[in-house]
Protein backbone atom coordinates (compact mmCIF):
# COMPACT_ATOMS: atom_id res chain seq x y z
CA UNK A 1 75.02 83.19 166.98
CA UNK A 2 75.50 85.03 163.67
CA UNK A 3 77.93 87.67 162.50
CA UNK A 4 75.04 90.06 161.98
CA UNK A 5 73.91 89.63 165.57
CA UNK A 6 77.42 90.23 166.89
CA UNK A 7 77.87 93.31 164.70
CA UNK A 8 74.53 94.68 165.89
CA UNK A 9 75.35 94.00 169.54
CA UNK A 10 78.73 95.73 169.18
CA UNK A 11 77.03 98.74 167.60
CA UNK A 12 74.77 98.98 170.67
CA UNK A 13 77.72 98.48 173.04
CA UNK A 14 79.76 101.22 171.40
CA UNK A 15 76.98 103.75 170.91
CA UNK A 16 75.13 103.08 174.18
CA UNK A 17 71.81 103.27 172.38
CA UNK A 18 69.53 100.90 170.48
CA UNK A 19 68.33 103.75 168.26
CA UNK A 20 71.89 104.91 167.47
CA UNK A 21 72.87 101.34 166.61
CA UNK A 22 69.80 100.99 164.38
CA UNK A 23 70.73 104.20 162.56
CA UNK A 24 74.29 103.02 162.10
CA UNK A 25 73.18 99.60 160.82
CA UNK A 26 70.36 101.10 158.71
CA UNK A 27 67.73 98.86 160.30
CA UNK A 28 64.79 99.40 162.64
CA UNK A 29 65.05 99.69 166.42
CA UNK A 30 62.97 96.50 166.65
CA UNK A 31 65.53 94.60 164.54
CA UNK A 32 68.34 95.66 166.85
CA UNK A 33 66.37 94.64 169.96
CA UNK A 34 65.54 91.28 168.35
CA UNK A 35 69.20 90.58 167.54
CA UNK A 36 70.28 91.31 171.11
CA UNK A 37 67.41 89.24 172.52
CA UNK A 38 68.44 86.28 170.34
CA UNK A 39 71.98 86.47 171.70
CA UNK A 40 70.68 86.64 175.27
CA UNK A 41 68.53 83.52 174.73
CA UNK A 42 71.43 81.57 173.22
CA UNK A 43 73.91 82.58 175.92
CA UNK A 44 71.43 82.37 178.78
CA UNK A 45 72.44 85.71 180.25
CA UNK A 46 71.25 89.33 180.02
CA UNK A 47 73.60 91.51 177.98
CA UNK A 48 72.03 94.94 178.46
CA UNK A 49 70.32 96.72 181.33
CA UNK A 50 68.44 99.96 181.65
CA UNK A 51 70.14 102.92 183.30
CA UNK A 52 67.90 105.96 183.49
CA UNK A 53 66.90 106.78 179.94
CA UNK A 54 69.82 104.90 178.48
CA UNK A 55 71.28 101.42 178.60
CA UNK A 56 74.57 99.90 179.64
CA UNK A 57 76.27 96.55 179.33
CA UNK A 58 75.92 93.96 182.06
CA UNK A 59 79.11 92.17 183.17
CA UNK A 60 78.16 89.37 180.75
CA UNK A 61 77.64 91.96 178.01
CA UNK A 62 81.07 93.47 178.64
CA UNK A 63 82.68 90.05 178.24
CA UNK A 64 80.81 89.34 175.02
CA UNK A 65 81.72 92.77 173.62
CA UNK A 66 85.41 92.10 174.22
CA UNK A 67 85.41 88.72 172.48
CA UNK A 68 83.03 89.79 169.72
CA UNK A 69 85.28 92.74 168.81
CA UNK A 70 88.32 90.47 168.61
CA UNK A 71 86.47 87.85 166.56
CA UNK A 72 85.11 90.36 164.06
CA UNK A 73 88.48 92.07 163.87
CA UNK A 74 90.17 88.75 163.09
CA UNK A 75 87.63 88.04 160.37
CA UNK A 76 88.33 91.45 158.83
CA UNK A 77 92.05 90.68 158.88
CA UNK A 78 91.33 87.32 157.27
CA UNK A 79 89.29 88.99 154.55
CA UNK A 80 92.14 91.39 153.84
CA UNK A 81 94.65 88.53 153.77
CA UNK A 82 92.56 86.59 151.25
CA UNK A 83 92.18 89.64 149.02
CA UNK A 84 95.91 90.37 149.18
CA UNK A 85 96.77 86.76 148.32
CA UNK A 86 94.44 86.74 145.34
CA UNK A 87 95.51 90.18 144.09
CA UNK A 88 99.27 90.69 144.54
CA UNK A 89 100.24 94.30 145.18
CA UNK A 90 96.80 95.19 146.50
CA UNK A 91 95.33 95.14 149.96
CA UNK A 92 93.84 97.15 152.80
CA UNK A 93 95.61 98.45 155.90
CA UNK A 94 93.76 99.68 158.97
CA UNK A 95 96.35 101.89 160.61
CA UNK A 96 96.03 103.62 163.98
CA UNK A 97 98.60 106.12 165.30
CA UNK A 98 99.15 108.13 168.45
CA UNK A 99 98.48 111.84 167.98
CA UNK A 100 102.08 113.00 167.54
CA UNK A 101 102.87 110.30 165.00
CA UNK A 102 99.55 110.80 163.24
CA UNK A 103 100.12 114.53 162.87
CA UNK A 104 103.82 114.72 162.03
CA UNK A 105 105.24 111.29 161.19
CA UNK A 106 102.64 109.39 159.20
CA UNK A 107 101.39 111.95 156.60
CA UNK A 108 104.70 112.42 154.71
CA UNK A 109 105.57 108.74 155.00
CA UNK A 110 102.10 107.72 153.88
CA UNK A 111 102.38 109.98 150.84
CA UNK A 112 105.64 108.28 149.81
CA UNK A 113 104.22 104.83 150.61
CA UNK A 114 101.18 105.41 148.40
CA UNK A 115 103.42 106.34 145.50
CA UNK A 116 105.36 103.09 145.91
CA UNK A 117 102.30 100.91 146.68
CA UNK A 118 99.23 102.49 145.02
CA UNK A 119 97.25 99.26 145.26
CA UNK A 120 97.19 99.27 149.07
CA UNK A 121 94.30 101.20 150.57
CA UNK A 122 95.17 102.78 153.93
CA UNK A 123 92.58 103.77 156.53
CA UNK A 124 94.21 105.97 159.17
CA UNK A 125 92.79 106.69 162.62
CA UNK A 126 94.53 109.01 165.09
CA UNK A 127 94.08 109.05 168.88
CA UNK A 128 95.97 109.10 172.15
CA UNK A 129 97.94 106.09 173.37
CA UNK A 130 95.02 104.61 175.29
CA UNK A 131 92.79 104.69 172.21
CA UNK A 132 95.51 103.17 170.00
CA UNK A 133 96.09 100.24 172.36
CA UNK A 134 92.35 99.63 172.66
CA UNK A 135 91.90 99.51 168.87
CA UNK A 136 94.73 97.01 168.55
CA UNK A 137 93.43 94.78 171.34
CA UNK A 138 89.98 94.56 169.78
CA UNK A 139 91.62 94.07 166.35
CA UNK A 140 89.79 97.06 164.96
CA UNK A 141 93.21 98.03 163.58
CA UNK A 142 95.85 95.91 161.87
CA UNK A 143 98.85 98.01 162.87
CA UNK A 144 99.61 100.81 165.30
CA UNK A 145 102.32 103.45 165.47
CA UNK A 146 103.30 104.69 168.92
CA UNK A 147 105.68 104.24 171.79
CA UNK A 148 107.01 101.01 173.29
CA UNK A 149 104.36 98.29 173.81
CA UNK A 150 103.04 98.14 177.37
CA UNK A 151 104.66 95.84 179.90
CA UNK A 152 102.69 92.75 180.83
CA UNK A 153 100.16 93.13 178.03
CA UNK A 154 99.12 91.23 174.96
CA UNK A 155 100.67 93.54 172.37
CA UNK A 156 104.05 93.32 170.65
CA UNK A 157 106.11 95.73 168.63
CA UNK A 158 109.43 96.71 167.15
CA UNK A 159 111.25 100.01 166.90
CA UNK A 160 111.13 101.36 163.36
CA UNK A 161 112.00 105.08 163.44
CA UNK A 162 113.89 107.41 165.79
CA UNK A 163 112.13 109.88 168.06
CA UNK A 164 113.63 112.31 170.57
CA UNK A 165 111.63 114.13 173.24
CA UNK A 166 112.86 117.62 174.11
CA UNK A 167 111.85 120.17 176.72
CA UNK A 168 111.07 123.48 175.05
CA UNK A 169 110.00 127.04 175.79
CA UNK A 170 109.43 130.20 173.81
CA UNK A 171 112.53 131.79 172.31
CA UNK A 172 114.17 134.12 174.81
CA UNK A 173 112.88 132.26 177.87
CA UNK A 174 115.39 132.54 180.70
CA UNK A 175 115.84 128.77 181.06
CA UNK A 176 116.80 128.37 177.40
CA UNK A 177 119.82 130.63 177.93
CA UNK A 178 121.32 128.57 180.77
CA UNK A 179 123.95 125.87 180.34
CA UNK A 180 121.93 123.58 182.60
CA UNK A 181 118.87 123.89 184.81
CA UNK A 182 118.00 122.30 188.13
CA UNK A 183 114.78 120.92 189.60
CA UNK A 184 114.07 124.09 191.59
CA UNK A 185 114.12 126.23 188.45
CA UNK A 186 111.91 123.78 186.57
CA UNK A 187 109.46 123.60 189.47
CA UNK A 188 108.81 127.35 189.25
CA UNK A 189 107.57 127.04 185.66
CA UNK A 190 104.10 126.35 184.31
CA UNK A 191 104.13 122.90 182.67
CA UNK A 192 101.88 122.29 179.66
CA UNK A 193 100.56 118.72 179.50
CA UNK A 194 98.48 116.65 177.11
CA UNK A 195 95.21 115.01 178.21
CA UNK A 196 94.85 111.83 180.27
CA UNK A 197 95.64 108.76 178.19
CA UNK A 198 98.38 110.52 176.21
CA UNK A 199 101.75 108.79 176.07
CA UNK A 200 103.52 112.15 176.02
CA UNK A 201 101.74 113.16 179.22
CA UNK A 202 102.79 109.92 180.93
CA UNK A 203 106.41 110.44 179.83
CA UNK A 204 106.36 114.04 181.08
CA UNK A 205 105.12 112.94 184.49
CA UNK A 206 107.87 110.30 184.59
CA UNK A 207 110.46 112.97 183.75
CA UNK A 208 109.15 115.20 186.55
CA UNK A 209 109.44 112.33 189.02
CA UNK A 210 112.95 111.44 187.84
CA UNK A 211 114.16 115.03 188.17
CA UNK A 212 112.31 115.59 191.45
CA UNK A 213 110.21 118.39 189.98
CA UNK A 214 106.93 119.38 191.64
CA UNK A 215 105.65 122.16 189.36
CA UNK A 216 103.93 125.16 190.83
CA UNK A 217 101.28 124.98 188.12
CA UNK A 218 100.18 122.52 185.44
CA UNK A 219 97.92 123.29 182.49
CA UNK A 220 96.28 120.44 180.60
CA UNK A 221 95.66 121.07 176.90
CA UNK A 222 93.87 118.73 174.54
CA UNK A 223 96.15 118.42 171.53
CA UNK A 224 99.72 118.64 170.32
CA UNK A 225 98.86 121.80 168.43
CA UNK A 226 97.53 123.60 171.51
CA UNK A 227 100.49 122.49 173.63
CA UNK A 228 102.97 123.59 170.98
CA UNK A 229 101.22 126.91 170.46
CA UNK A 230 101.05 127.48 174.20
CA UNK A 231 104.83 127.08 174.42
CA UNK A 232 105.34 129.41 171.45
CA UNK A 233 103.35 132.25 173.03
CA UNK A 234 105.05 131.82 176.42
CA UNK A 235 102.24 130.09 178.28
CA UNK A 236 104.64 127.55 179.79
CA UNK A 237 107.23 124.87 179.09
CA UNK A 238 106.52 121.44 177.68
CA UNK A 239 108.03 118.12 176.65
CA UNK A 240 107.35 117.28 173.00
CA UNK A 241 108.65 115.09 170.24
CA UNK A 242 111.41 116.96 168.43
CA UNK A 243 109.62 116.03 165.22
CA UNK A 244 106.57 118.04 166.34
CA UNK A 245 108.61 121.23 166.74
CA UNK A 246 111.40 120.69 164.20
CA UNK A 247 110.54 123.74 162.10
CA UNK A 248 109.98 125.97 165.15
CA UNK A 249 113.35 124.93 166.58
CA UNK A 250 115.08 125.55 163.25
CA UNK A 251 113.53 128.99 162.87
CA UNK A 252 114.23 129.99 166.47
CA UNK A 253 110.60 130.42 167.52
CA UNK A 254 111.17 127.98 170.38
CA UNK A 255 114.36 126.72 172.03
CA UNK A 256 115.44 123.70 174.07
CA UNK A 257 115.74 123.82 177.84
CA UNK A 258 118.97 122.03 178.88
CA UNK A 259 117.50 119.81 181.59
CA UNK A 260 119.47 116.75 182.81
CA UNK A 261 118.88 113.53 180.89
CA UNK A 262 117.46 115.20 177.79
CA UNK A 263 116.73 114.55 175.03
CA UNK A 264 114.86 111.33 175.81
CA UNK A 265 115.44 108.66 173.17
CA UNK A 266 111.99 107.10 172.64
CA UNK A 267 111.82 105.47 169.19
CA UNK A 268 108.58 105.00 167.31
CA UNK A 269 107.31 101.42 167.38
CA UNK A 270 105.18 99.45 164.97
CA UNK A 271 102.62 97.85 167.30
CA UNK A 272 100.47 94.82 166.62
CA UNK A 273 98.21 92.46 168.58
CA UNK A 274 99.18 89.12 169.91
CA UNK A 275 102.05 87.52 167.94
CA UNK A 276 104.77 85.60 169.73
CA UNK A 277 108.37 86.72 169.62
CA UNK A 278 109.10 83.95 167.10
CA UNK A 279 106.20 84.90 164.83
CA UNK A 280 107.00 88.61 164.83
CA UNK A 281 105.49 90.55 161.97
CA UNK A 282 104.68 87.30 160.18
CA UNK A 283 101.40 87.41 162.14
CA UNK A 284 100.46 90.63 160.33
CA UNK A 285 98.57 91.00 157.09
CA UNK A 286 100.62 91.42 153.92
CA UNK A 287 99.65 95.10 153.73
CA UNK A 288 100.80 95.67 157.33
CA UNK A 289 104.10 93.86 156.75
CA UNK A 290 104.68 95.92 153.63
CA UNK A 291 104.11 99.13 155.57
CA UNK A 292 106.44 98.09 158.40
CA UNK A 293 109.17 97.31 155.88
CA UNK A 294 108.65 100.70 154.25
CA UNK A 295 108.94 102.47 157.62
CA UNK A 296 112.49 101.11 157.89
CA UNK A 297 113.44 102.18 154.38
CA UNK A 298 115.65 105.09 153.36
CA UNK A 299 112.75 106.35 151.27
CA UNK A 300 110.61 106.80 154.39
CA UNK A 301 113.42 108.63 156.19
CA UNK A 302 113.94 110.93 153.20
CA UNK A 303 110.24 111.75 153.11
CA UNK A 304 110.22 112.50 156.84
CA UNK A 305 113.36 114.63 156.64
CA UNK A 306 111.90 116.68 153.80
CA UNK A 307 108.64 117.24 155.68
CA UNK A 308 110.30 118.22 158.96
CA UNK A 309 112.92 120.40 157.37
CA UNK A 310 115.58 118.72 159.49
CA UNK A 311 117.45 115.40 159.39
CA UNK A 312 116.45 112.65 161.79
CA UNK A 313 119.12 110.85 163.78
CA UNK A 314 120.02 107.25 163.15
CA UNK A 315 117.97 104.64 164.96
CA UNK A 316 120.23 102.50 167.15
CA UNK A 317 117.96 99.78 168.52
CA UNK A 318 117.41 96.06 168.07
CA UNK A 319 115.18 95.61 165.05
CA UNK A 320 113.80 92.24 166.08
CA UNK A 321 110.18 92.04 167.23
CA UNK A 322 109.70 92.52 170.94
CA UNK A 323 106.82 91.07 172.88
CA UNK A 324 105.72 93.02 175.94
CA UNK A 325 106.44 91.23 179.17
């Protein structure tokens, strides 16, 4: 079993096509088929099966894909660690962030970080919570930025920056002028939600359940931008990170709805795969540890405040690493 064979097999698993994998790897279709066949002979099990005009993984193939992704991800982390050790101040960070953090939190902080640490190359990928957790589990990313690590999983994390979730509507909306609103009033509104797999969507559904709200209508929109814009033009109400609408709140384009229990205090976490509570961020690459330390710095908070046009509240949480249970 060689690294090349595993990389080729993963390319097939992720693309669902021998030809697409061959194009990605810049080899012939026959070379891809030969690599997969060699793995099947060594393991004594079929890894792929035909499905119509395409292919899919067998149960054995799904297991190999999971372990192969973790193994290759660990090797990439090891390569980065060796390079960082041999060249102090330099390194490579594969960063993955949930959509809200990737759009509003990371860009200004990353700009300040690059000025302080120009020798660290940062590769940023943005997706919903489900995608972020998947990238961390397969070690295709060194560090994630998102909400609290899932309960009962194999990921750990620590709170690094504050984040409040607020319920908003267009300026002038009747609910924004009340001192408080009840479940009946909220249920009559159209609720704007993110797509399946979004952490904000899951939190919104939890809020509805807590308040006993069964909305008359729900609209699912595919991005923070579309949800925010929908609220601005009066399409409905929505729960968003205050950081995502800081400028709109300050200018009066949107306003908060005074629902019970809001705002929700949900700090941003630095997420990483697999370390124990004792190991904490020591299990991360040097570049990842450097970035986590920067996230806690006053410099990062100043950069975020300047970008949002509003100060962020003080984070009041335990800073020690927390393993999901």
